[in-house]
Amino acid sequence: MATPTETFVSLVGTDPLVQGLVGGIVIALLNTLGAAAILVVRDPSERTLDALMGFAAGVMLSASFTSLLLPGIEFAGQPAYQATVGGVTLDGVVPVLVGFALGVALLDRADDIAPQVGSVITGRAGREADLDDARVSAVVLFVLAITLHNMPEGLAVGVGFGSGNVGDGLALMLAIGIQNIPEGLAVSISARDAGLGSSFYALVAGVRAGIVEIPLAVFGAVAVTVAAPLLPYAMGFAAGGMLFVISHEIVPRTHARGNEHVATMGLMVGLAVMLTLDVVLA
């Protein structure tokens, strides 16, 4: 019987660019599935949402290490890896840490640029008279945070396939796609509860938060395919962005409403799911 990796290759082919594109489409579609759930799940409890977001955080936490940081360090530690800057050889953990720091720095700027791009993400323009500014500001920041952290997720999937290890790419695609479902729902619910129109409009807001993953998955695959020395930097960058979002956005949000226990249990389940996928698809 063919393994999941072999089945994926037989369906998609061996071109990392095509694999990255398919990976980006899959995770974006699963984000859309979560956003579309608002048309059916009208009023999920805060406890349920916090548990689901905790699950998403657990998947991201495990994926950051098992599919990005550790493989990046291993790749940069190979004797054949050559990357020099100013005559200094960068190998082992150093390139991964450099990429990691850049990923953290980019996400750290999210709060500063939120007011400027918030209206684009939520479609707020022309609706101010009908909305409460404080509620809209809160949802703008949340939607922007989800959108920005979807960027390293898409990049991570592309980098996974671009690295040549289809198993890692497939594990990232499935795990990130699965955790995109509660994220898509959370964005749609936040948009609706802030007064941003009907459930259908909130669905559109949720879809828009995840659509950025497709081009970034392709970019990740292209970048590391064309310039292999970029791989450990890209892996560190994607991991840094995801870990920043876990600590700065998801954990505080899920622990702010008295649901710390279910959020933590959700995180543990998500971590176990990603570890299992990483082993099964290796």
C-alpha atoms as a PDB file:
ATOM      1  CA  MET A   1       0.000   0.000   0.000  1.00  0.00           C
ATOM      2  CA  ALA A   2       1.296   3.429  -0.956  1.00  0.00           C
ATOM      3  CA  THR A   3       2.250   5.801   1.836  1.00  0.00           C
ATOM      4  CA  PRO A   4       0.538   9.215   2.107  1.00  0.00           C
ATOM      5  CA  THR A   5       3.707  10.840   0.771  1.00  0.00           C
ATOM      6  CA  GLU A   6       3.827   8.520  -2.239  1.00  0.00           C
ATOM      7  CA  THR A   7       0.146   9.132  -2.940  1.00  0.00           C
ATOM      8  CA  PHE A   8       0.655  12.895  -2.802  1.00  0.00           C
ATOM      9  CA  VAL A   9       3.593  12.714  -5.214  1.00  0.00           C
ATOM     10  CA  SER A  10       1.637  10.497  -7.611  1.00  0.00           C
ATOM     11  CA  LEU A  11      -1.186  13.051  -7.692  1.00  0.00           C
ATOM     12  CA  VAL A  12       0.824  16.269  -7.756  1.00  0.00           C
ATOM     13  CA  GLY A  13       4.198  15.303  -9.190  1.00  0.00           C
ATOM     14  CA  THR A  14       7.723  15.981  -8.014  1.00  0.00           C
ATOM     15  CA  ASP A  15       8.066  19.671  -8.897  1.00  0.00           C
ATOM     16  CA  PRO A  16       8.487  21.586  -5.576  1.00  0.00           C
ATOM     17  CA  LEU A  17       6.851  24.672  -7.120  1.00  0.00           C
ATOM     18  CA  VAL A  18       3.682  22.736  -7.973  1.00  0.00           C
ATOM     19  CA  GLN A  19       3.743  21.025  -4.594  1.00  0.00           C
ATOM     20  CA  GLY A  20       4.026  24.413  -2.875  1.00  0.00           C
ATOM     21  CA  LEU A  21       1.127  25.794  -4.931  1.00  0.00           C
ATOM     22  CA  VAL A  22      -1.083  22.804  -4.088  1.00  0.00           C
ATOM     23  CA  GLY A  23      -0.080  23.087  -0.433  1.00  0.00           C
ATOM     24  CA  GLY A  24      -1.008  26.765  -0.357  1.00  0.00           C
ATOM     25  CA  ILE A  25      -4.369  26.093  -2.012  1.00  0.00           C
ATOM     26  CA  VAL A  26      -5.177  23.283   0.436  1.00  0.00           C
ATOM     27  CA  ILE A  27      -4.480  25.314   3.565  1.00  0.00           C
ATOM     28  CA  ALA A  28      -6.367  28.323   2.154  1.00  0.00           C
ATOM     29  CA  LEU A  29      -9.357  26.104   1.340  1.00  0.00           C
ATOM     30  CA  LEU A  30      -9.385  24.701   4.865  1.00  0.00           C
ATOM     31  CA  ASN A  31      -9.276  28.268   6.199  1.00  0.00           C
ATOM     32  CA  THR A  32     -12.286  28.969   3.967  1.00  0.00           C
ATOM     33  CA  LEU A  33     -14.028  25.897   5.364  1.00  0.00           C
ATOM     34  CA  GLY A  34     -13.575  27.247   8.883  1.00  0.00           C
ATOM     35  CA  ALA A  35     -14.792  30.698   7.876  1.00  0.00           C
ATOM     36  CA  ALA A  36     -17.825  29.169   6.142  1.00  0.00           C
ATOM     37  CA  ALA A  37     -18.782  27.388   9.363  1.00  0.00           C
ATOM     38  CA  ILE A  38     -20.239  30.701  10.554  1.00  0.00           C
ATOM     39  CA  LEU A  39     -23.147  30.071   8.184  1.00  0.00           C
ATOM     40  CA  VAL A  40     -23.973  26.925  10.174  1.00  0.00           C
ATOM     41  CA  VAL A  41     -22.470  27.484  13.627  1.00  0.00           C
ATOM     42  CA  ARG A  42     -24.301  30.632  14.592  1.00  0.00           C
ATOM     43  CA  ASP A  43     -23.190  31.159  18.152  1.00  0.00           C
ATOM     44  CA  PRO A  44     -20.357  28.932  19.456  1.00  0.00           C
ATOM     45  CA  SER A  45     -19.430  29.534  23.072  1.00  0.00           C
ATOM     46  CA  GLU A  46     -16.293  31.407  24.063  1.00  0.00           C
ATOM     47  CA  ARG A  47     -15.142  28.230  25.812  1.00  0.00           C
ATOM     48  CA  THR A  48     -15.380  26.257  22.565  1.00  0.00           C
ATOM     49  CA  LEU A  49     -13.568  28.924  20.555  1.00  0.00           C
ATOM     50  CA  ASP A  50     -10.765  29.158  23.114  1.00  0.00           C
ATOM     51  CA  ALA A  51     -10.328  25.380  23.047  1.00  0.00           C
ATOM     52  CA  LEU A  52     -10.158  25.410  19.237  1.00  0.00           C
ATOM     53  CA  MET A  53      -7.666  28.265  19.169  1.00  0.00           C
ATOM     54  CA  GLY A  54      -5.596  26.453  21.796  1.00  0.00           C
ATOM     55  CA  PHE A  55      -5.573  23.445  19.463  1.00  0.00           C
ATOM     56  CA  ALA A  56      -4.324  25.691  16.636  1.00  0.00           C
ATOM     57  CA  ALA A  57      -1.555  27.004  18.880  1.00  0.00           C
ATOM     58  CA  GLY A  58      -0.471  23.471  19.770  1.00  0.00           C
ATOM     59  CA  VAL A  59      -0.194  22.492  16.107  1.00  0.00           C
ATOM     60  CA  MET A  60       1.865  25.587  15.344  1.00  0.00           C
ATOM     61  CA  LEU A  61       4.084  25.075  18.390  1.00  0.00           C
ATOM     62  CA  SER A  62       4.993  21.512  17.441  1.00  0.00           C
ATOM     63  CA  ALA A  63       5.359  22.314  13.735  1.00  0.00           C
ATOM     64  CA  SER A  64       7.743  25.167  14.509  1.00  0.00           C
ATOM     65  CA  PHE A  65      10.209  22.732  16.047  1.00  0.00           C
ATOM     66  CA  THR A  66       9.701  19.365  14.344  1.00  0.00           C
ATOM     67  CA  SER A  67       9.205  20.626  10.779  1.00  0.00           C
ATOM     68  CA  LEU A  68      11.099  23.926  10.726  1.00  0.00           C
ATOM     69  CA  LEU A  69      13.707  24.696  13.378  1.00  0.00           C
ATOM     70  CA  LEU A  70      15.251  21.244  13.829  1.00  0.00           C
ATOM     71  CA  PRO A  71      15.277  20.328  10.093  1.00  0.00           C
ATOM     72  CA  GLY A  72      16.720  23.784   9.342  1.00  0.00           C
ATOM     73  CA  ILE A  73      19.563  23.280  11.800  1.00  0.00           C
ATOM     74  CA  GLU A  74      20.195  19.785  10.420  1.00  0.00           C
ATOM     75  CA  PHE A  75      20.298  21.105   6.839  1.00  0.00           C
ATOM     76  CA  ALA A  76      22.689  23.936   7.730  1.00  0.00           C
ATOM     77  CA  GLY A  77      24.941  21.481   9.575  1.00  0.00           C
ATOM     78  CA  GLN A  78      25.575  19.292   6.544  1.00  0.00           C
ATOM     79  CA  PRO A  79      29.159  19.382   5.197  1.00  0.00           C
ATOM     80  CA  ALA A  80      27.861  20.294   1.742  1.00  0.00           C
ATOM     81  CA  TYR A  81      26.073  23.408   3.028  1.00  0.00           C
ATOM     82  CA  GLN A  82      28.012  26.497   2.016  1.00  0.00           C
ATOM     83  CA  ALA A  83      26.846  29.967   2.999  1.00  0.00           C
ATOM     84  CA  THR A  84      29.346  32.766   3.538  1.00  0.00           C
ATOM     85  CA  VAL A  85      28.925  36.455   4.281  1.00  0.00           C
ATOM     86  CA  GLY A  86      32.012  38.653   4.225  1.00  0.00           C
ATOM     87  CA  GLY A  87      34.229  35.605   4.267  1.00  0.00           C
ATOM     88  CA  VAL A  88      32.500  34.218   7.378  1.00  0.00           C
ATOM     89  CA  THR A  89      30.842  30.812   7.044  1.00  0.00           C
ATOM     90  CA  LEU A  90      27.339  30.661   8.464  1.00  0.00           C
ATOM     91  CA  ASP A  91      26.239  27.132   9.256  1.00  0.00           C
ATOM     92  CA  GLY A  92      24.594  25.019  11.928  1.00  0.00           C
ATOM     93  CA  VAL A  93      22.207  26.891  14.185  1.00  0.00           C
ATOM     94  CA  VAL A  94      23.320  30.398  13.148  1.00  0.00           C
ATOM     95  CA  PRO A  95      21.337  30.770   9.885  1.00  0.00           C
ATOM     96  CA  VAL A  96      18.215  29.424  11.590  1.00  0.00           C
ATOM     97  CA  LEU A  97      18.572  31.884  14.457  1.00  0.00           C
ATOM     98  CA  VAL A  98      19.079  34.772  12.024  1.00  0.00           C
ATOM     99  CA  GLY A  99      15.906  33.822  10.168  1.00  0.00           C
ATOM    100  CA  PHE A 100      14.118  33.284  13.478  1.00  0.00           C
ATOM    101  CA  ALA A 101      15.019  36.793  14.661  1.00  0.00           C
ATOM    102  CA  LEU A 102      13.817  38.309  11.394  1.00  0.00           C
ATOM    103  CA  GLY A 103      10.495  36.469  11.666  1.00  0.00           C
ATOM    104  CA  VAL A 104       9.968  37.688  15.217  1.00  0.00           C
ATOM    105  CA  ALA A 105      10.906  41.245  14.257  1.00  0.00           C
ATOM    106  CA  LEU A 106       8.419  41.328  11.387  1.00  0.00           C
ATOM    107  CA  LEU A 107       5.512  40.097  13.505  1.00  0.00           C
ATOM    108  CA  ASP A 108       6.515  42.455  16.305  1.00  0.00           C
ATOM    109  CA  ARG A 109       5.747  45.349  13.955  1.00  0.00           C
ATOM    110  CA  ALA A 110       2.179  44.169  13.400  1.00  0.00           C
ATOM    111  CA  ASP A 111       0.651  46.368  16.089  1.00  0.00           C
ATOM    112  CA  ASP A 112       2.289  49.451  14.594  1.00  0.00           C
ATOM    113  CA  ILE A 113       0.926  48.924  11.095  1.00  0.00           C
ATOM    114  CA  ALA A 114      -2.523  47.703  12.139  1.00  0.00           C
ATOM    115  CA  PRO A 115      -4.253  51.113  12.011  1.00  0.00           C
ATOM    116  CA  GLN A 116      -2.957  51.772   8.491  1.00  0.00           C
ATOM    117  CA  VAL A 117      -4.006  48.477   6.913  1.00  0.00           C
ATOM    118  CA  GLY A 118      -6.935  47.530   9.099  1.00  0.00           C
ATOM    119  CA  SER A 119      -9.501  49.137   6.829  1.00  0.00           C
ATOM    120  CA  VAL A 120      -8.209  47.105   3.876  1.00  0.00           C
ATOM    121  CA  ILE A 121      -8.479  43.798   5.734  1.00  0.00           C
ATOM    122  CA  THR A 122     -11.912  44.320   7.257  1.00  0.00           C
ATOM    123  CA  GLY A 123     -13.503  46.436   4.563  1.00  0.00           C
ATOM    124  CA  ARG A 124     -14.292  49.087   7.137  1.00  0.00           C
ATOM    125  CA  ALA A 125     -14.157  51.982   4.696  1.00  0.00           C
ATOM    126  CA  GLY A 126     -17.469  53.744   4.337  1.00  0.00           C
ATOM    127  CA  ARG A 127     -19.043  51.943   7.339  1.00  0.00           C
ATOM    128  CA  GLU A 128     -17.788  54.059  10.249  1.00  0.00           C
ATOM    129  CA  ALA A 129     -21.101  55.707  10.945  1.00  0.00           C
ATOM    130  CA  ASP A 130     -22.728  52.370  11.730  1.00  0.00           C
ATOM    131  CA  LEU A 131     -19.990  50.843  13.867  1.00  0.00           C
ATOM    132  CA  ASP A 132     -18.547  51.233  17.306  1.00  0.00           C
ATOM    133  CA  ASP A 133     -14.942  52.392  16.958  1.00  0.00           C
ATOM    134  CA  ALA A 134     -13.609  50.438  19.928  1.00  0.00           C
ATOM    135  CA  ARG A 135     -15.154  47.154  18.796  1.00  0.00           C
ATOM    136  CA  VAL A 136     -13.986  47.635  15.221  1.00  0.00           C
ATOM    137  CA  SER A 137     -10.477  48.510  16.379  1.00  0.00           C
ATOM    138  CA  ALA A 138     -10.315  45.294  18.391  1.00  0.00           C
ATOM    139  CA  VAL A 139     -11.452  43.103  15.514  1.00  0.00           C
ATOM    140  CA  VAL A 140      -9.144  44.920  13.082  1.00  0.00           C
ATOM    141  CA  LEU A 141      -6.178  44.030  15.262  1.00  0.00           C
ATOM    142  CA  PHE A 142      -7.321  40.411  15.587  1.00  0.00           C
ATOM    143  CA  VAL A 143      -7.988  39.931  11.871  1.00  0.00           C
ATOM    144  CA  LEU A 144      -4.652  41.568  11.062  1.00  0.00           C
ATOM    145  CA  ALA A 145      -2.879  39.332  13.574  1.00  0.00           C
ATOM    146  CA  ILE A 146      -4.415  36.209  12.027  1.00  0.00           C
ATOM    147  CA  THR A 147      -3.612  37.451   8.508  1.00  0.00           C
ATOM    148  CA  LEU A 148       0.001  38.221   9.399  1.00  0.00           C
ATOM    149  CA  HIS A 149       0.526  34.899  11.109  1.00  0.00           C
ATOM    150  CA  ASN A 150      -1.020  33.123   8.129  1.00  0.00           C
ATOM    151  CA  MET A 151       1.871  34.571   6.126  1.00  0.00           C
ATOM    152  CA  PRO A 152       4.620  32.544   7.848  1.00  0.00           C
ATOM    153  CA  GLU A 153       2.282  29.542   7.820  1.00  0.00           C
ATOM    154  CA  GLY A 154       1.988  29.732   4.034  1.00  0.00           C
ATOM    155  CA  LEU A 155       5.719  30.330   3.780  1.00  0.00           C
ATOM    156  CA  ALA A 156       6.380  27.332   6.025  1.00  0.00           C
ATOM    157  CA  VAL A 157       4.385  25.010   3.777  1.00  0.00           C
ATOM    158  CA  GLY A 158       6.224  26.270   0.675  1.00  0.00           C
ATOM    159  CA  VAL A 159       9.590  25.954   2.389  1.00  0.00           C
ATOM    160  CA  GLY A 160       8.697  22.432   3.523  1.00  0.00           C
ATOM    161  CA  PHE A 161       8.063  21.303  -0.048  1.00  0.00           C
ATOM    162  CA  GLY A 162      10.926  23.370  -1.459  1.00  0.00           C
ATOM    163  CA  SER A 163      13.364  21.649   0.886  1.00  0.00           C
ATOM    164  CA  GLY A 164      12.880  18.434  -1.066  1.00  0.00           C
ATOM    165  CA  ASN A 165      11.449  16.569   1.916  1.00  0.00           C
ATOM    166  CA  VAL A 166       7.897  15.908   0.737  1.00  0.00           C
ATOM    167  CA  GLY A 167       7.016  14.263   4.061  1.00  0.00           C
ATOM    168  CA  ASP A 168       7.806  17.450   5.997  1.00  0.00           C
ATOM    169  CA  GLY A 169       5.903  19.568   3.486  1.00  0.00           C
ATOM    170  CA  LEU A 170       2.894  17.257   3.606  1.00  0.00           C
ATOM    171  CA  ALA A 171       2.897  17.181   7.415  1.00  0.00           C
ATOM    172  CA  LEU A 172       3.003  20.978   7.528  1.00  0.00           C
ATOM    173  CA  MET A 173       0.245  21.249   4.910  1.00  0.00           C
ATOM    174  CA  LEU A 174      -2.113  18.944   6.788  1.00  0.00           C
ATOM    175  CA  ALA A 175      -1.355  20.280  10.258  1.00  0.00           C
ATOM    176  CA  ILE A 176      -1.557  23.944   9.316  1.00  0.00           C
ATOM    177  CA  GLY A 177      -4.644  23.267   7.216  1.00  0.00           C
ATOM    178  CA  ILE A 178      -6.362  21.554  10.152  1.00  0.00           C
ATOM    179  CA  GLN A 179      -5.601  24.398  12.539  1.00  0.00           C
ATOM    180  CA  ASN A 180      -6.740  26.922   9.911  1.00  0.00           C
ATOM    181  CA  ILE A 181     -10.314  25.671  10.388  1.00  0.00           C
ATOM    182  CA  PRO A 182     -10.825  27.092  13.910  1.00  0.00           C
ATOM    183  CA  GLU A 183      -8.844  30.188  12.953  1.00  0.00           C
ATOM    184  CA  GLY A 184     -11.077  30.891   9.965  1.00  0.00           C
ATOM    185  CA  LEU A 185     -14.160  30.485  12.151  1.00  0.00           C
ATOM    186  CA  ALA A 186     -12.694  32.747  14.834  1.00  0.00           C
ATOM    187  CA  VAL A 187     -12.017  35.536  12.331  1.00  0.00           C
ATOM    188  CA  SER A 188     -15.535  35.335  10.895  1.00  0.00           C
ATOM    189  CA  ILE A 189     -17.142  35.360  14.337  1.00  0.00           C
ATOM    190  CA  SER A 190     -14.998  38.304  15.469  1.00  0.00           C
ATOM    191  CA  ALA A 191     -15.953  40.277  12.367  1.00  0.00           C
ATOM    192  CA  ARG A 192     -19.650  39.534  12.826  1.00  0.00           C
ATOM    193  CA  ASP A 193     -19.660  40.302  16.556  1.00  0.00           C
ATOM    194  CA  ALA A 194     -17.945  43.642  15.936  1.00  0.00           C
ATOM    195  CA  GLY A 195     -20.884  44.696  13.785  1.00  0.00           C
ATOM    196  CA  LEU A 196     -19.280  44.219  10.400  1.00  0.00           C
ATOM    197  CA  GLY A 197     -22.483  43.222   8.639  1.00  0.00           C
ATOM    198  CA  SER A 198     -24.065  39.847   7.995  1.00  0.00           C
ATOM    199  CA  SER A 199     -22.675  36.392   8.512  1.00  0.00           C
ATOM    200  CA  PHE A 200     -21.924  36.282   4.795  1.00  0.00           C
ATOM    201  CA  TYR A 201     -19.786  39.423   5.080  1.00  0.00           C
ATOM    202  CA  ALA A 202     -18.018  37.929   8.099  1.00  0.00           C
ATOM    203  CA  LEU A 203     -17.354  34.818   5.996  1.00  0.00           C
ATOM    204  CA  VAL A 204     -15.675  36.989   3.369  1.00  0.00           C
ATOM    205  CA  ALA A 205     -13.514  38.602   6.067  1.00  0.00           C
ATOM    206  CA  GLY A 206     -12.418  35.168   7.239  1.00  0.00           C
ATOM    207  CA  VAL A 207     -11.561  34.029   3.713  1.00  0.00           C
ATOM    208  CA  ARG A 208      -9.528  37.154   3.056  1.00  0.00           C
ATOM    209  CA  ALA A 209      -7.469  36.516   6.206  1.00  0.00           C
ATOM    210  CA  GLY A 210      -6.254  33.193   4.800  1.00  0.00           C
ATOM    211  CA  ILE A 211      -5.903  33.882   1.086  1.00  0.00           C
ATOM    212  CA  VAL A 212      -2.382  35.285   1.573  1.00  0.00           C
ATOM    213  CA  GLU A 213      -1.149  31.757   2.222  1.00  0.00           C
ATOM    214  CA  ILE A 214      -1.286  30.715  -1.445  1.00  0.00           C
ATOM    215  CA  PRO A 215       1.249  33.168  -2.944  1.00  0.00           C
ATOM    216  CA  LEU A 216       3.531  32.840   0.080  1.00  0.00           C
ATOM    217  CA  ALA A 217       3.562  29.049  -0.192  1.00  0.00           C
ATOM    218  CA  VAL A 218       4.631  29.402  -3.825  1.00  0.00           C
ATOM    219  CA  PHE A 219       7.219  32.031  -2.898  1.00  0.00           C
ATOM    220  CA  GLY A 220       8.652  29.782  -0.172  1.00  0.00           C
ATOM    221  CA  ALA A 221       9.000  26.864  -2.557  1.00  0.00           C
ATOM    222  CA  VAL A 222      10.579  29.013  -5.281  1.00  0.00           C
ATOM    223  CA  ALA A 223      13.004  30.775  -2.929  1.00  0.00           C
ATOM    224  CA  VAL A 224      14.545  27.651  -1.475  1.00  0.00           C
ATOM    225  CA  THR A 225      14.523  25.804  -4.796  1.00  0.00           C
ATOM    226  CA  VAL A 226      16.399  28.575  -6.585  1.00  0.00           C
ATOM    227  CA  ALA A 227      18.686  29.446  -3.683  1.00  0.00           C
ATOM    228  CA  ALA A 228      19.189  26.412  -1.448  1.00  0.00           C
ATOM    229  CA  PRO A 229      21.356  28.321   1.079  1.00  0.00           C
ATOM    230  CA  LEU A 230      18.228  30.324   1.972  1.00  0.00           C
ATOM    231  CA  LEU A 231      16.460  27.229   3.312  1.00  0.00           C
ATOM    232  CA  PRO A 232      17.587  27.373   6.985  1.00  0.00           C
ATOM    233  CA  TYR A 233      16.934  31.136   7.061  1.00  0.00           C
ATOM    234  CA  ALA A 234      13.451  30.627   5.628  1.00  0.00           C
ATOM    235  CA  MET A 235      12.695  27.829   8.075  1.00  0.00           C
ATOM    236  CA  GLY A 236      13.833  29.945  11.010  1.00  0.00           C
ATOM    237  CA  PHE A 237      11.836  32.916   9.723  1.00  0.00           C
ATOM    238  CA  ALA A 238       8.617  30.912   9.433  1.00  0.00           C
ATOM    239  CA  ALA A 239       9.094  29.363  12.877  1.00  0.00           C
ATOM    240  CA  GLY A 240       9.863  32.720  14.490  1.00  0.00           C
ATOM    241  CA  GLY A 241       6.706  34.246  13.065  1.00  0.00           C
ATOM    242  CA  MET A 242       4.514  31.368  14.220  1.00  0.00           C
ATOM    243  CA  LEU A 243       5.983  31.204  17.727  1.00  0.00           C
ATOM    244  CA  PHE A 244       5.596  34.967  18.138  1.00  0.00           C
ATOM    245  CA  VAL A 245       1.912  34.737  17.272  1.00  0.00           C
ATOM    246  CA  ILE A 246       1.371  31.852  19.705  1.00  0.00           C
ATOM    247  CA  SER A 247       2.831  33.798  22.617  1.00  0.00           C
ATOM    248  CA  HIS A 248       1.723  37.309  21.683  1.00  0.00           C
ATOM    249  CA  GLU A 249      -1.741  36.719  20.247  1.00  0.00           C
ATOM    250  CA  ILE A 250      -3.287  33.286  20.686  1.00  0.00           C
ATOM    251  CA  VAL A 251      -2.337  32.344  24.259  1.00  0.00           C
ATOM    252  CA  PRO A 252      -3.251  35.734  25.796  1.00  0.00           C
ATOM    253  CA  ARG A 253      -6.529  35.808  23.860  1.00  0.00           C
ATOM    254  CA  THR A 254      -7.560  32.275  24.892  1.00  0.00           C
ATOM    255  CA  HIS A 255      -6.599  32.890  28.541  1.00  0.00           C
ATOM    256  CA  ALA A 256      -8.323  36.253  28.894  1.00  0.00           C
ATOM    257  CA  ARG A 257     -11.869  34.978  29.421  1.00  0.00           C
ATOM    258  CA  GLY A 258     -11.450  32.409  32.165  1.00  0.00           C
ATOM    259  CA  ASN A 259     -11.017  29.419  29.859  1.00  0.00           C
ATOM    260  CA  GLU A 260      -7.371  28.727  30.572  1.00  0.00           C
ATOM    261  CA  HIS A 261      -7.898  25.021  31.261  1.00  0.00           C
ATOM    262  CA  VAL A 262      -9.715  24.105  28.041  1.00  0.00           C
ATOM    263  CA  ALA A 263      -7.363  26.320  26.017  1.00  0.00           C
ATOM    264  CA  THR A 264      -4.348  24.528  27.504  1.00  0.00           C
ATOM    265  CA  MET A 265      -5.906  21.116  26.884  1.00  0.00           C
ATOM    266  CA  GLY A 266      -6.620  22.170  23.299  1.00  0.00           C
ATOM    267  CA  LEU A 267      -2.978  23.176  22.903  1.00  0.00           C
ATOM    268  CA  MET A 268      -1.814  19.794  24.194  1.00  0.00           C
ATOM    269  CA  VAL A 269      -4.106  17.925  21.787  1.00  0.00           C
ATOM    270  CA  GLY A 270      -2.913  20.064  18.866  1.00  0.00           C
ATOM    271  CA  LEU A 271       0.708  19.416  19.776  1.00  0.00           C
ATOM    272  CA  ALA A 272       0.060  15.650  19.916  1.00  0.00           C
ATOM    273  CA  VAL A 273      -1.720  15.711  16.543  1.00  0.00           C
ATOM    274  CA  MET A 274       1.178  17.496  14.861  1.00  0.00           C
ATOM    275  CA  LEU A 275       3.747  15.138  16.420  1.00  0.00           C
ATOM    276  CA  THR A 276       1.742  12.175  15.152  1.00  0.00           C
ATOM    277  CA  LEU A 277       1.498  13.626  11.643  1.00  0.00           C
ATOM    278  CA  ASP A 278       5.211  14.351  11.633  1.00  0.00           C
ATOM    279  CA  VAL A 279       6.023  10.716  12.453  1.00  0.00           C
ATOM    280  CA  VAL A 280       3.415   9.109  10.195  1.00  0.00           C
ATOM    281  CA  LEU A 281       4.306  11.232   7.162  1.00  0.00           C
ATOM    282  CA  ALA A 282       8.079  11.149   7.647  1.00  0.00           C
END
